[in-house]
């Protein structure tokens, strides 16, 4: 391929992607506005990013940033800490916080992401949820974008199960309460505990 052919291919690809790139720019602008508005609302200043004692007591900067994240994601509360080293780590903390011996975790979108296998106890691990007498149940979608709402609603209403929804191969949302606009209202009927979102 010569230089002219390469340039023509690049121009064609840019033209084909133009609509998608414009949409991405619009989303970026909307989200940037949301973030700036949250920073302004919380009065975040340069001093909020200064060093602290390390214990985190009365860390005003951290508290502001957590309120900023809660505002942006429309959450009741958020924990934003450098100590969480990955999404799997954050999900593990949430699962161990919400689940108690005798509880069942329901995955409504098939098997959870594989990094959670040891956490749940699908792979032997003496520190897993399974070792603490927390069981796991899963159900598959009826098709790519279709869930059995009646089955999910029945299972959740029967036992107030914490529910794991895998949105894609590498992005998961853990829900204790079914949030509006995430899954149908028929499922949101029985609990008020907070959601944890990765």
N, C-alpha and C. Protein backbone atom coordinates (compact mmCIF):
# COMPACT_ATOMS: atom_id res chain seq x y z
N UNK A 1 0.85 -1.17 0.00
CA UNK A 1 0.00 0.00 0.00
C UNK A 1 0.90 1.24 0.00
N UNK A 2 0.61 2.13 -0.94
CA UNK A 2 1.41 3.35 -0.99
C UNK A 2 0.78 4.44 -0.12
N UNK A 3 1.46 5.56 -0.06
CA UNK A 3 1.04 6.64 0.83
C UNK A 3 -0.33 7.20 0.45
N UNK A 4 -0.61 7.34 -0.86
CA UNK A 4 -1.89 7.87 -1.31
C UNK A 4 -3.04 6.94 -0.94
N UNK A 5 -2.83 5.62 -1.10
CA UNK A 5 -3.88 4.65 -0.74
C UNK A 5 -4.16 4.69 0.76
N UNK A 6 -3.09 4.79 1.53
CA UNK A 6 -3.25 4.85 2.99
C UNK A 6 -4.03 6.10 3.39
N UNK A 7 -3.71 7.23 2.78
CA UNK A 7 -4.40 8.47 3.09
C UNK A 7 -5.88 8.38 2.71
N UNK A 8 -6.17 7.74 1.54
CA UNK A 8 -7.55 7.57 1.10
C UNK A 8 -8.33 6.70 2.09
N UNK A 9 -7.71 5.62 2.56
CA UNK A 9 -8.36 4.73 3.53
C UNK A 9 -8.65 5.45 4.85
N UNK A 10 -7.69 6.25 5.30
CA UNK A 10 -7.89 7.01 6.54
C UNK A 10 -9.05 7.98 6.38
N UNK A 11 -9.10 8.68 5.25
CA UNK A 11 -10.19 9.64 5.00
C UNK A 11 -11.54 8.95 4.93
N UNK A 12 -11.59 7.78 4.30
CA UNK A 12 -12.84 7.03 4.21
C UNK A 12 -13.30 6.56 5.60
N UNK A 13 -12.34 6.07 6.38
CA UNK A 13 -12.67 5.60 7.74
C UNK A 13 -13.18 6.75 8.60
N UNK A 14 -12.55 7.90 8.50
CA UNK A 14 -12.99 9.07 9.27
C UNK A 14 -14.40 9.49 8.86
N UNK A 15 -14.68 9.42 7.54
CA UNK A 15 -16.00 9.80 7.06
C UNK A 15 -17.05 8.82 7.58
N UNK A 16 -16.74 7.52 7.53
CA UNK A 16 -17.67 6.49 8.03
C UNK A 16 -17.92 6.64 9.52
N UNK A 17 -16.89 7.04 10.25
CA UNK A 17 -17.01 7.15 11.71
C UNK A 17 -17.50 8.51 12.18
N UNK A 18 -17.69 9.44 11.26
CA UNK A 18 -18.01 10.83 11.62
C UNK A 18 -19.24 10.92 12.54
N UNK A 19 -20.30 10.20 12.19
CA UNK A 19 -21.53 10.25 12.99
C UNK A 19 -21.28 9.76 14.42
N UNK A 20 -20.50 8.68 14.55
CA UNK A 20 -20.22 8.11 15.86
C UNK A 20 -19.29 9.00 16.68
N UNK A 21 -18.32 9.61 16.01
CA UNK A 21 -17.40 10.52 16.69
C UNK A 21 -18.13 11.76 17.19
N UNK A 22 -19.10 12.24 16.38
CA UNK A 22 -19.89 13.40 16.80
C UNK A 22 -20.70 13.05 18.03
N UNK A 23 -21.31 11.87 18.03
CA UNK A 23 -22.10 11.43 19.18
C UNK A 23 -21.21 11.30 20.42
N UNK A 24 -20.00 10.74 20.25
CA UNK A 24 -19.05 10.61 21.36
C UNK A 24 -18.67 11.98 21.91
N UNK A 25 -18.47 12.95 21.03
CA UNK A 25 -18.16 14.32 21.47
C UNK A 25 -19.30 14.93 22.27
N UNK A 26 -20.54 14.67 21.81
CA UNK A 26 -21.71 15.19 22.52
C UNK A 26 -21.81 14.58 23.93
N UNK A 27 -21.58 13.29 24.02
CA UNK A 27 -21.61 12.60 25.32
C UNK A 27 -20.52 13.15 26.23
N UNK A 28 -19.33 13.33 25.66
CA UNK A 28 -18.20 13.87 26.42
C UNK A 28 -18.52 15.26 26.96
N UNK A 29 -19.11 16.12 26.13
CA UNK A 29 -19.45 17.48 26.55
C UNK A 29 -20.51 17.44 27.66
N UNK A 30 -21.50 16.59 27.51
CA UNK A 30 -22.57 16.47 28.52
C UNK A 30 -22.00 16.00 29.85
N UNK A 31 -21.14 14.97 29.80
CA UNK A 31 -20.55 14.44 31.03
C UNK A 31 -19.57 15.42 31.66
N UNK A 32 -18.82 16.14 30.84
CA UNK A 32 -17.89 17.15 31.37
C UNK A 32 -18.67 18.23 32.12
N UNK A 33 -19.79 18.64 31.55
CA UNK A 33 -20.63 19.65 32.19
C UNK A 33 -21.15 19.13 33.53
N UNK A 34 -21.54 17.86 33.56
CA UNK A 34 -22.05 17.25 34.79
C UNK A 34 -20.96 17.23 35.88
N UNK A 35 -19.73 16.89 35.48
CA UNK A 35 -18.62 16.83 36.43
C UNK A 35 -18.27 18.22 36.95
N UNK A 36 -18.17 19.19 36.05
CA UNK A 36 -17.84 20.56 36.45
C UNK A 36 -18.91 21.12 37.39
N UNK A 37 -20.18 20.84 37.08
CA UNK A 37 -21.29 21.30 37.92
C UNK A 37 -21.19 20.69 39.32
N UNK A 38 -20.83 19.39 39.41
CA UNK A 38 -20.70 18.73 40.72
C UNK A 38 -19.52 19.32 41.51
N UNK A 39 -18.40 19.58 40.84
CA UNK A 39 -17.25 20.20 41.51
C UNK A 39 -17.63 21.58 42.04
N UNK A 40 -18.35 22.35 41.22
CA UNK A 40 -18.77 23.69 41.62
C UNK A 40 -19.73 23.62 42.81
N UNK A 41 -20.69 22.70 42.73
CA UNK A 41 -21.69 22.56 43.80
C UNK A 41 -21.04 22.24 45.14
N UNK A 42 -20.01 21.39 45.12
CA UNK A 42 -19.33 20.98 46.37
C UNK A 42 -18.24 21.94 46.79
N UNK A 43 -17.95 22.94 45.95
CA UNK A 43 -16.93 23.93 46.30
C UNK A 43 -15.53 23.35 46.37
N UNK A 44 -15.21 22.44 45.45
CA UNK A 44 -13.88 21.82 45.43
C UNK A 44 -12.84 22.86 45.05
N UNK A 45 -11.77 22.92 45.85
CA UNK A 45 -10.69 23.87 45.59
C UNK A 45 -9.35 23.12 45.57
N UNK A 46 -8.31 23.83 45.20
CA UNK A 46 -6.97 23.24 45.12
C UNK A 46 -6.54 22.62 46.45
N UNK A 47 -6.88 23.26 47.55
CA UNK A 47 -6.46 22.76 48.86
C UNK A 47 -7.08 21.41 49.20
N UNK A 48 -8.20 21.07 48.55
CA UNK A 48 -8.84 19.77 48.81
C UNK A 48 -8.00 18.61 48.31
N UNK A 49 -7.00 18.89 47.47
CA UNK A 49 -6.14 17.84 46.94
C UNK A 49 -4.79 17.78 47.65
N UNK A 50 -4.66 18.53 48.74
CA UNK A 50 -3.42 18.53 49.51
C UNK A 50 -3.26 17.26 50.32
N UNK A 51 -2.06 17.07 50.87
CA UNK A 51 -1.79 15.88 51.67
C UNK A 51 -2.47 15.97 53.03
N UNK A 52 -2.71 14.81 53.63
CA UNK A 52 -3.34 14.76 54.95
C UNK A 52 -2.50 13.86 55.85
N UNK A 53 -2.99 13.60 57.03
CA UNK A 53 -2.25 12.78 58.00
C UNK A 53 -2.12 11.33 57.54
N UNK A 54 -2.99 10.90 56.64
CA UNK A 54 -2.97 9.51 56.19
C UNK A 54 -4.02 8.67 56.88
N UNK A 55 -4.55 9.15 58.00
CA UNK A 55 -5.59 8.40 58.70
C UNK A 55 -6.97 8.64 58.11
N UNK A 56 -7.14 9.76 57.42
CA UNK A 56 -8.41 10.05 56.77
C UNK A 56 -9.47 10.65 57.67
N UNK A 57 -9.12 10.94 58.94
CA UNK A 57 -10.10 11.55 59.82
C UNK A 57 -10.35 12.99 59.39
N UNK A 58 -11.60 13.34 59.29
CA UNK A 58 -11.98 14.71 58.91
C UNK A 58 -11.24 15.20 57.66
N UNK A 59 -11.11 14.32 56.68
CA UNK A 59 -10.45 14.66 55.42
C UNK A 59 -11.49 15.33 54.52
N UNK A 60 -11.55 16.65 54.59
CA UNK A 60 -12.57 17.41 53.88
C UNK A 60 -12.49 17.18 52.37
N UNK A 61 -11.26 17.13 51.83
CA UNK A 61 -11.09 16.91 50.39
C UNK A 61 -11.68 15.58 49.94
N UNK A 62 -11.40 14.53 50.70
CA UNK A 62 -11.93 13.20 50.35
C UNK A 62 -13.45 13.20 50.44
N UNK A 63 -13.97 13.83 51.48
CA UNK A 63 -15.42 13.89 51.65
C UNK A 63 -16.09 14.64 50.50
N UNK A 64 -15.46 15.72 50.05
CA UNK A 64 -16.01 16.48 48.92
C UNK A 64 -16.00 15.65 47.64
N UNK A 65 -14.87 14.98 47.39
CA UNK A 65 -14.75 14.17 46.17
C UNK A 65 -15.78 13.05 46.18
N UNK A 66 -16.01 12.44 47.33
CA UNK A 66 -17.02 11.38 47.40
C UNK A 66 -18.42 11.93 47.15
N UNK A 67 -18.69 13.16 47.62
CA UNK A 67 -19.98 13.78 47.32
C UNK A 67 -20.08 14.14 45.84
N UNK A 68 -18.96 14.54 45.23
CA UNK A 68 -18.93 14.82 43.79
C UNK A 68 -19.30 13.57 43.01
N UNK A 69 -18.68 12.43 43.34
CA UNK A 69 -18.98 11.17 42.65
C UNK A 69 -20.44 10.77 42.85
N UNK A 70 -20.94 10.93 44.07
CA UNK A 70 -22.33 10.58 44.36
C UNK A 70 -23.27 11.44 43.51
N UNK A 71 -22.96 12.71 43.38
CA UNK A 71 -23.77 13.62 42.57
C UNK A 71 -23.74 13.21 41.11
N UNK A 72 -22.55 12.96 40.58
CA UNK A 72 -22.40 12.61 39.16
C UNK A 72 -23.16 11.32 38.83
N UNK A 73 -23.05 10.31 39.71
CA UNK A 73 -23.67 9.01 39.44
C UNK A 73 -25.07 8.89 40.05
N UNK A 74 -25.58 10.00 40.60
CA UNK A 74 -26.91 10.02 41.21
C UNK A 74 -27.07 8.90 42.24
N UNK A 75 -26.05 8.77 43.07
CA UNK A 75 -26.04 7.75 44.13
C UNK A 75 -26.30 8.41 45.48
N UNK A 76 -26.76 7.61 46.41
CA UNK A 76 -26.98 8.10 47.76
C UNK A 76 -25.64 8.46 48.42
N UNK A 77 -24.63 7.66 48.15
CA UNK A 77 -23.31 7.86 48.75
C UNK A 77 -22.28 7.15 47.90
N UNK A 78 -21.03 7.49 48.04
CA UNK A 78 -19.95 6.85 47.30
C UNK A 78 -18.72 6.70 48.19
N UNK A 79 -17.94 5.70 47.90
CA UNK A 79 -16.62 5.56 48.52
C UNK A 79 -15.61 5.64 47.38
N UNK A 80 -14.77 6.66 47.41
CA UNK A 80 -13.76 6.86 46.38
C UNK A 80 -12.41 6.83 47.09
N UNK A 81 -11.73 5.72 46.97
CA UNK A 81 -10.47 5.53 47.71
C UNK A 81 -9.41 4.90 46.81
N UNK A 82 -8.20 5.36 46.96
CA UNK A 82 -7.08 4.76 46.25
C UNK A 82 -6.77 3.35 46.73
N UNK A 83 -7.32 2.99 47.88
CA UNK A 83 -7.06 1.66 48.43
C UNK A 83 -7.76 0.57 47.62
N UNK A 84 -8.79 0.92 46.87
CA UNK A 84 -9.42 -0.06 45.97
C UNK A 84 -8.55 -0.16 44.73
N UNK A 85 -7.95 -1.31 44.53
CA UNK A 85 -6.97 -1.42 43.45
C UNK A 85 -7.57 -1.89 42.13
N UNK A 86 -8.83 -2.32 42.14
CA UNK A 86 -9.47 -2.77 40.91
C UNK A 86 -10.98 -2.81 41.11
N UNK A 87 -11.69 -2.99 40.02
CA UNK A 87 -13.14 -3.14 40.10
C UNK A 87 -13.51 -4.39 40.87
N UNK A 88 -12.75 -5.47 40.67
CA UNK A 88 -13.02 -6.71 41.39
C UNK A 88 -12.86 -6.50 42.89
N UNK A 89 -11.85 -5.74 43.28
CA UNK A 89 -11.62 -5.45 44.70
C UNK A 89 -12.82 -4.69 45.28
N UNK A 90 -13.29 -3.67 44.55
CA UNK A 90 -14.44 -2.89 45.02
C UNK A 90 -15.69 -3.75 45.13
N UNK A 91 -15.92 -4.61 44.13
CA UNK A 91 -17.08 -5.50 44.16
C UNK A 91 -16.98 -6.49 45.32
N UNK A 92 -15.79 -6.99 45.58
CA UNK A 92 -15.58 -7.93 46.68
C UNK A 92 -15.95 -7.29 48.02
N UNK A 93 -15.49 -6.06 48.23
CA UNK A 93 -15.81 -5.34 49.46
C UNK A 93 -17.33 -5.17 49.59
N UNK A 94 -17.97 -4.79 48.48
CA UNK A 94 -19.42 -4.60 48.50
C UNK A 94 -20.16 -5.91 48.80
N UNK A 95 -19.74 -6.99 48.15
CA UNK A 95 -20.41 -8.28 48.37
C UNK A 95 -20.26 -8.73 49.82
N UNK A 96 -19.07 -8.60 50.37
CA UNK A 96 -18.87 -9.01 51.76
C UNK A 96 -19.59 -8.07 52.73
N UNK A 97 -19.82 -6.82 52.32
CA UNK A 97 -20.56 -5.88 53.18
C UNK A 97 -22.05 -6.21 53.21
N UNK A 98 -22.60 -6.58 52.06
CA UNK A 98 -24.04 -6.79 51.97
C UNK A 98 -24.50 -8.20 52.34
N UNK A 99 -23.70 -9.19 52.03
CA UNK A 99 -24.15 -10.58 52.19
C UNK A 99 -23.79 -11.13 53.57
N UNK A 100 -24.71 -11.92 54.11
CA UNK A 100 -24.54 -12.55 55.41
C UNK A 100 -24.76 -14.05 55.28
N UNK A 101 -24.23 -14.85 56.23
CA UNK A 101 -24.44 -16.29 56.16
C UNK A 101 -25.92 -16.63 55.98
N UNK A 102 -26.18 -17.52 55.03
CA UNK A 102 -27.55 -17.90 54.72
C UNK A 102 -28.15 -17.13 53.56
N UNK A 103 -27.50 -16.01 53.16
CA UNK A 103 -27.99 -15.23 52.02
C UNK A 103 -27.64 -15.94 50.71
N UNK A 104 -28.34 -15.54 49.65
CA UNK A 104 -28.04 -16.03 48.31
C UNK A 104 -27.81 -14.83 47.41
N UNK A 105 -26.76 -14.88 46.62
CA UNK A 105 -26.52 -13.86 45.61
C UNK A 105 -27.06 -14.38 44.29
N UNK A 106 -27.89 -13.61 43.63
CA UNK A 106 -28.50 -14.00 42.36
C UNK A 106 -27.84 -13.24 41.22
N UNK A 107 -27.28 -13.96 40.25
CA UNK A 107 -26.73 -13.35 39.04
C UNK A 107 -27.77 -13.54 37.94
N UNK A 108 -28.37 -12.43 37.49
CA UNK A 108 -29.47 -12.56 36.54
C UNK A 108 -29.02 -12.52 35.09
N UNK A 109 -27.73 -12.46 34.86
CA UNK A 109 -27.22 -12.36 33.49
C UNK A 109 -26.15 -13.42 33.26
N UNK A 110 -26.40 -14.62 33.78
CA UNK A 110 -25.43 -15.70 33.63
C UNK A 110 -24.34 -15.64 34.67
N UNK A 111 -23.28 -16.38 34.40
CA UNK A 111 -22.15 -16.46 35.33
C UNK A 111 -21.47 -15.09 35.45
N UNK A 112 -21.13 -14.67 36.67
CA UNK A 112 -20.42 -13.39 36.84
C UNK A 112 -19.06 -13.40 36.17
N UNK A 113 -18.50 -12.24 36.05
CA UNK A 113 -17.18 -12.08 35.45
C UNK A 113 -16.18 -12.99 36.17
N UNK A 114 -15.27 -13.59 35.43
CA UNK A 114 -14.42 -14.65 35.99
C UNK A 114 -13.50 -14.22 37.12
N UNK A 115 -13.22 -12.92 37.24
CA UNK A 115 -12.37 -12.49 38.36
C UNK A 115 -13.09 -12.62 39.70
N UNK A 116 -14.40 -12.82 39.66
CA UNK A 116 -15.17 -13.00 40.90
C UNK A 116 -15.32 -14.48 41.29
N UNK A 117 -14.81 -15.39 40.48
CA UNK A 117 -14.97 -16.83 40.76
C UNK A 117 -14.47 -17.21 42.15
N UNK A 118 -13.28 -16.77 42.51
CA UNK A 118 -12.73 -17.11 43.83
C UNK A 118 -13.48 -16.38 44.94
N UNK A 119 -13.93 -15.16 44.66
CA UNK A 119 -14.66 -14.38 45.66
C UNK A 119 -15.97 -15.08 46.01
N UNK A 120 -16.70 -15.51 44.99
CA UNK A 120 -17.99 -16.16 45.19
C UNK A 120 -17.82 -17.57 45.75
N UNK A 121 -16.76 -18.25 45.29
CA UNK A 121 -16.53 -19.63 45.72
C UNK A 121 -16.77 -20.62 44.60
N UNK A 122 -16.84 -20.13 43.36
CA UNK A 122 -16.96 -21.02 42.22
C UNK A 122 -15.65 -21.78 42.01
N UNK A 123 -14.57 -21.17 42.46
CA UNK A 123 -13.26 -21.81 42.53
C UNK A 123 -12.93 -21.93 44.01
N UNK A 124 -12.45 -23.09 44.46
CA UNK A 124 -12.20 -23.27 45.90
C UNK A 124 -11.32 -22.16 46.49
N UNK A 125 -11.79 -21.63 47.61
CA UNK A 125 -11.07 -20.56 48.30
C UNK A 125 -11.61 -20.49 49.72
N UNK A 126 -10.76 -20.64 50.71
CA UNK A 126 -11.19 -20.65 52.11
C UNK A 126 -11.73 -19.31 52.60
N UNK A 127 -11.53 -18.25 51.82
CA UNK A 127 -12.02 -16.94 52.22
C UNK A 127 -13.14 -16.45 51.31
N UNK A 128 -13.78 -17.35 50.58
CA UNK A 128 -14.84 -16.97 49.65
C UNK A 128 -16.16 -16.74 50.37
N UNK A 129 -17.12 -16.17 49.65
CA UNK A 129 -18.48 -16.03 50.19
C UNK A 129 -19.06 -17.40 50.53
N UNK A 130 -18.77 -18.37 49.67
CA UNK A 130 -19.27 -19.74 49.91
C UNK A 130 -18.77 -20.28 51.24
N UNK A 131 -17.52 -20.01 51.57
CA UNK A 131 -16.96 -20.50 52.83
C UNK A 131 -17.63 -19.83 54.04
N UNK A 132 -18.29 -18.68 53.79
CA UNK A 132 -19.04 -18.00 54.84
C UNK A 132 -20.53 -18.32 54.75
N UNK A 133 -20.85 -19.41 54.05
CA UNK A 133 -22.24 -19.90 53.95
C UNK A 133 -23.15 -18.97 53.15
N UNK A 134 -22.57 -18.27 52.17
CA UNK A 134 -23.37 -17.47 51.24
C UNK A 134 -23.43 -18.25 49.94
N UNK A 135 -24.64 -18.54 49.48
CA UNK A 135 -24.76 -19.32 48.25
C UNK A 135 -24.92 -18.40 47.03
N UNK A 136 -24.76 -18.99 45.87
CA UNK A 136 -24.84 -18.24 44.62
C UNK A 136 -25.77 -18.97 43.67
N UNK A 137 -26.64 -18.20 43.02
CA UNK A 137 -27.55 -18.76 42.04
C UNK A 137 -27.47 -17.89 40.79
N UNK A 138 -27.62 -18.51 39.63
CA UNK A 138 -27.57 -17.71 38.41
C UNK A 138 -28.70 -18.12 37.48
N UNK A 139 -29.09 -17.19 36.65
CA UNK A 139 -30.04 -17.48 35.60
C UNK A 139 -29.55 -16.77 34.34
N UNK A 140 -29.87 -17.34 33.20
CA UNK A 140 -29.43 -16.76 31.94
C UNK A 140 -30.51 -15.89 31.33
N UNK A 141 -30.09 -14.97 30.51
CA UNK A 141 -31.06 -14.14 29.77
C UNK A 141 -31.80 -15.03 28.78
N UNK A 142 -33.02 -14.62 28.43
CA UNK A 142 -33.80 -15.36 27.44
C UNK A 142 -33.21 -15.16 26.05
N UNK A 143 -32.67 -13.98 25.80
CA UNK A 143 -31.97 -13.67 24.56
C UNK A 143 -30.99 -12.55 24.87
N UNK A 144 -30.34 -12.00 23.83
CA UNK A 144 -29.29 -11.01 24.07
C UNK A 144 -29.75 -9.84 24.93
N UNK A 145 -30.96 -9.34 24.70
CA UNK A 145 -31.42 -8.17 25.45
C UNK A 145 -32.72 -8.43 26.20
N UNK A 146 -33.00 -9.68 26.53
CA UNK A 146 -34.28 -9.99 27.15
C UNK A 146 -34.09 -10.82 28.41
N UNK A 147 -34.60 -10.30 29.53
CA UNK A 147 -34.56 -11.00 30.80
C UNK A 147 -35.95 -11.55 31.12
N UNK A 148 -36.01 -12.58 31.91
CA UNK A 148 -37.28 -13.08 32.41
C UNK A 148 -37.67 -12.26 33.63
N UNK A 149 -38.36 -11.15 33.37
CA UNK A 149 -38.71 -10.21 34.44
C UNK A 149 -39.56 -10.90 35.51
N UNK A 150 -40.50 -11.74 35.09
CA UNK A 150 -41.37 -12.40 36.06
C UNK A 150 -40.58 -13.33 36.98
N UNK A 151 -39.62 -14.07 36.41
CA UNK A 151 -38.80 -14.97 37.23
C UNK A 151 -37.90 -14.19 38.20
N UNK A 152 -37.28 -13.13 37.69
CA UNK A 152 -36.41 -12.30 38.53
C UNK A 152 -37.23 -11.66 39.65
N UNK A 153 -38.37 -11.10 39.28
CA UNK A 153 -39.23 -10.45 40.26
C UNK A 153 -39.66 -11.43 41.34
N UNK A 154 -40.02 -12.64 40.94
CA UNK A 154 -40.44 -13.66 41.92
C UNK A 154 -39.29 -14.01 42.86
N UNK A 155 -38.12 -14.28 42.29
CA UNK A 155 -36.98 -14.67 43.12
C UNK A 155 -36.58 -13.58 44.10
N UNK A 156 -36.57 -12.34 43.63
CA UNK A 156 -36.18 -11.24 44.50
C UNK A 156 -37.24 -11.00 45.57
N UNK A 157 -38.51 -11.00 45.20
CA UNK A 157 -39.55 -10.73 46.19
C UNK A 157 -39.66 -11.85 47.22
N UNK A 158 -39.29 -13.06 46.84
CA UNK A 158 -39.34 -14.18 47.77
C UNK A 158 -38.26 -14.10 48.84
N UNK A 159 -37.10 -13.58 48.47
CA UNK A 159 -35.99 -13.66 49.43
C UNK A 159 -35.14 -12.41 49.55
N UNK A 160 -35.54 -11.31 48.93
CA UNK A 160 -34.76 -10.06 48.99
C UNK A 160 -33.29 -10.30 48.63
N UNK A 161 -33.07 -11.00 47.53
CA UNK A 161 -31.71 -11.36 47.15
C UNK A 161 -30.90 -10.17 46.65
N UNK A 162 -29.67 -10.02 47.13
CA UNK A 162 -28.77 -9.10 46.45
C UNK A 162 -28.57 -9.63 45.03
N UNK A 163 -28.58 -8.75 44.04
CA UNK A 163 -28.59 -9.18 42.65
C UNK A 163 -27.40 -8.60 41.90
N UNK A 164 -26.74 -9.45 41.14
CA UNK A 164 -25.60 -9.05 40.34
C UNK A 164 -26.02 -9.03 38.89
N UNK A 165 -25.81 -7.91 38.22
CA UNK A 165 -26.17 -7.79 36.81
C UNK A 165 -24.90 -7.51 36.03
N UNK A 166 -24.51 -8.42 35.16
CA UNK A 166 -23.33 -8.21 34.33
C UNK A 166 -23.79 -7.54 33.04
N UNK A 167 -23.38 -6.28 32.84
CA UNK A 167 -23.85 -5.54 31.68
C UNK A 167 -23.07 -5.88 30.42
N UNK A 168 -21.81 -6.26 30.56
CA UNK A 168 -21.03 -6.65 29.40
C UNK A 168 -19.95 -7.60 29.89
N UNK A 169 -19.05 -7.97 29.02
CA UNK A 169 -18.04 -8.93 29.42
C UNK A 169 -17.10 -8.41 30.49
N UNK A 170 -16.93 -7.10 30.58
CA UNK A 170 -15.98 -6.61 31.57
C UNK A 170 -16.49 -5.43 32.38
N UNK A 171 -17.80 -5.27 32.46
CA UNK A 171 -18.34 -4.19 33.28
C UNK A 171 -19.53 -4.72 34.04
N UNK A 172 -19.50 -4.61 35.34
CA UNK A 172 -20.54 -5.20 36.16
C UNK A 172 -21.12 -4.17 37.11
N UNK A 173 -22.42 -4.26 37.32
CA UNK A 173 -23.06 -3.42 38.33
C UNK A 173 -23.65 -4.34 39.38
N UNK A 174 -23.32 -4.08 40.61
CA UNK A 174 -23.89 -4.83 41.72
C UNK A 174 -25.02 -4.01 42.30
N UNK A 175 -26.18 -4.62 42.39
CA UNK A 175 -27.33 -3.89 42.92
C UNK A 175 -27.92 -4.62 44.10
N UNK A 176 -28.10 -3.91 45.17
CA UNK A 176 -28.83 -4.44 46.31
C UNK A 176 -30.28 -3.99 46.15
N UNK A 177 -30.43 -2.76 45.66
CA UNK A 177 -31.76 -2.25 45.34
C UNK A 177 -31.83 -2.08 43.83
N UNK A 178 -32.94 -2.34 43.24
CA UNK A 178 -33.10 -2.18 41.81
C UNK A 178 -33.34 -0.70 41.50
N UNK A 179 -32.42 -0.06 40.87
CA UNK A 179 -32.50 1.37 40.60
C UNK A 179 -33.36 1.65 39.38
N UNK A 180 -34.10 2.76 39.38
CA UNK A 180 -34.88 3.13 38.19
C UNK A 180 -33.98 3.27 36.98
N UNK A 181 -34.49 2.96 35.84
CA UNK A 181 -33.82 3.07 34.54
C UNK A 181 -32.75 2.01 34.33
N UNK A 182 -32.47 1.15 35.31
CA UNK A 182 -31.48 0.10 35.09
C UNK A 182 -32.18 -1.19 34.70
N UNK A 183 -33.20 -1.57 35.43
CA UNK A 183 -34.00 -2.73 35.06
C UNK A 183 -35.46 -2.40 35.29
N UNK A 184 -36.38 -3.17 34.72
CA UNK A 184 -37.80 -2.81 34.77
C UNK A 184 -38.34 -2.62 36.18
N UNK A 185 -39.34 -1.75 36.27
CA UNK A 185 -39.94 -1.41 37.56
C UNK A 185 -40.54 -2.61 38.25
N UNK A 186 -40.93 -3.62 37.50
CA UNK A 186 -41.54 -4.81 38.10
C UNK A 186 -40.60 -5.48 39.10
N UNK A 187 -39.31 -5.26 38.93
CA UNK A 187 -38.33 -5.91 39.81
C UNK A 187 -38.10 -5.10 41.07
N UNK A 188 -38.32 -3.77 41.02
CA UNK A 188 -38.02 -2.88 42.13
C UNK A 188 -39.17 -2.83 43.12
N UNK A 189 -39.26 -3.80 44.04
CA UNK A 189 -40.45 -3.75 44.88
C UNK A 189 -40.25 -4.09 46.34
N UNK A 190 -39.00 -4.26 46.79
CA UNK A 190 -38.97 -4.79 48.15
C UNK A 190 -37.84 -4.38 49.06
N UNK A 191 -36.92 -3.51 48.66
CA UNK A 191 -35.83 -3.18 49.57
C UNK A 191 -35.34 -1.77 49.37
N UNK A 192 -34.69 -1.23 50.37
CA UNK A 192 -34.23 0.16 50.28
C UNK A 192 -32.75 0.30 50.61
N UNK A 193 -32.02 -0.78 50.62
CA UNK A 193 -30.58 -0.69 50.89
C UNK A 193 -29.87 -0.03 49.73
N UNK A 194 -28.68 0.54 49.96
CA UNK A 194 -28.02 1.31 48.91
C UNK A 194 -27.47 0.45 47.78
N UNK A 195 -27.33 1.07 46.62
CA UNK A 195 -26.71 0.39 45.48
C UNK A 195 -25.21 0.64 45.52
N UNK A 196 -24.47 -0.31 45.02
CA UNK A 196 -23.02 -0.14 44.87
C UNK A 196 -22.71 -0.30 43.41
N UNK A 197 -22.11 0.70 42.81
CA UNK A 197 -21.86 0.68 41.39
C UNK A 197 -20.38 0.74 41.11
N UNK A 198 -19.94 -0.16 40.28
CA UNK A 198 -18.53 -0.16 39.87
C UNK A 198 -18.41 0.75 38.67
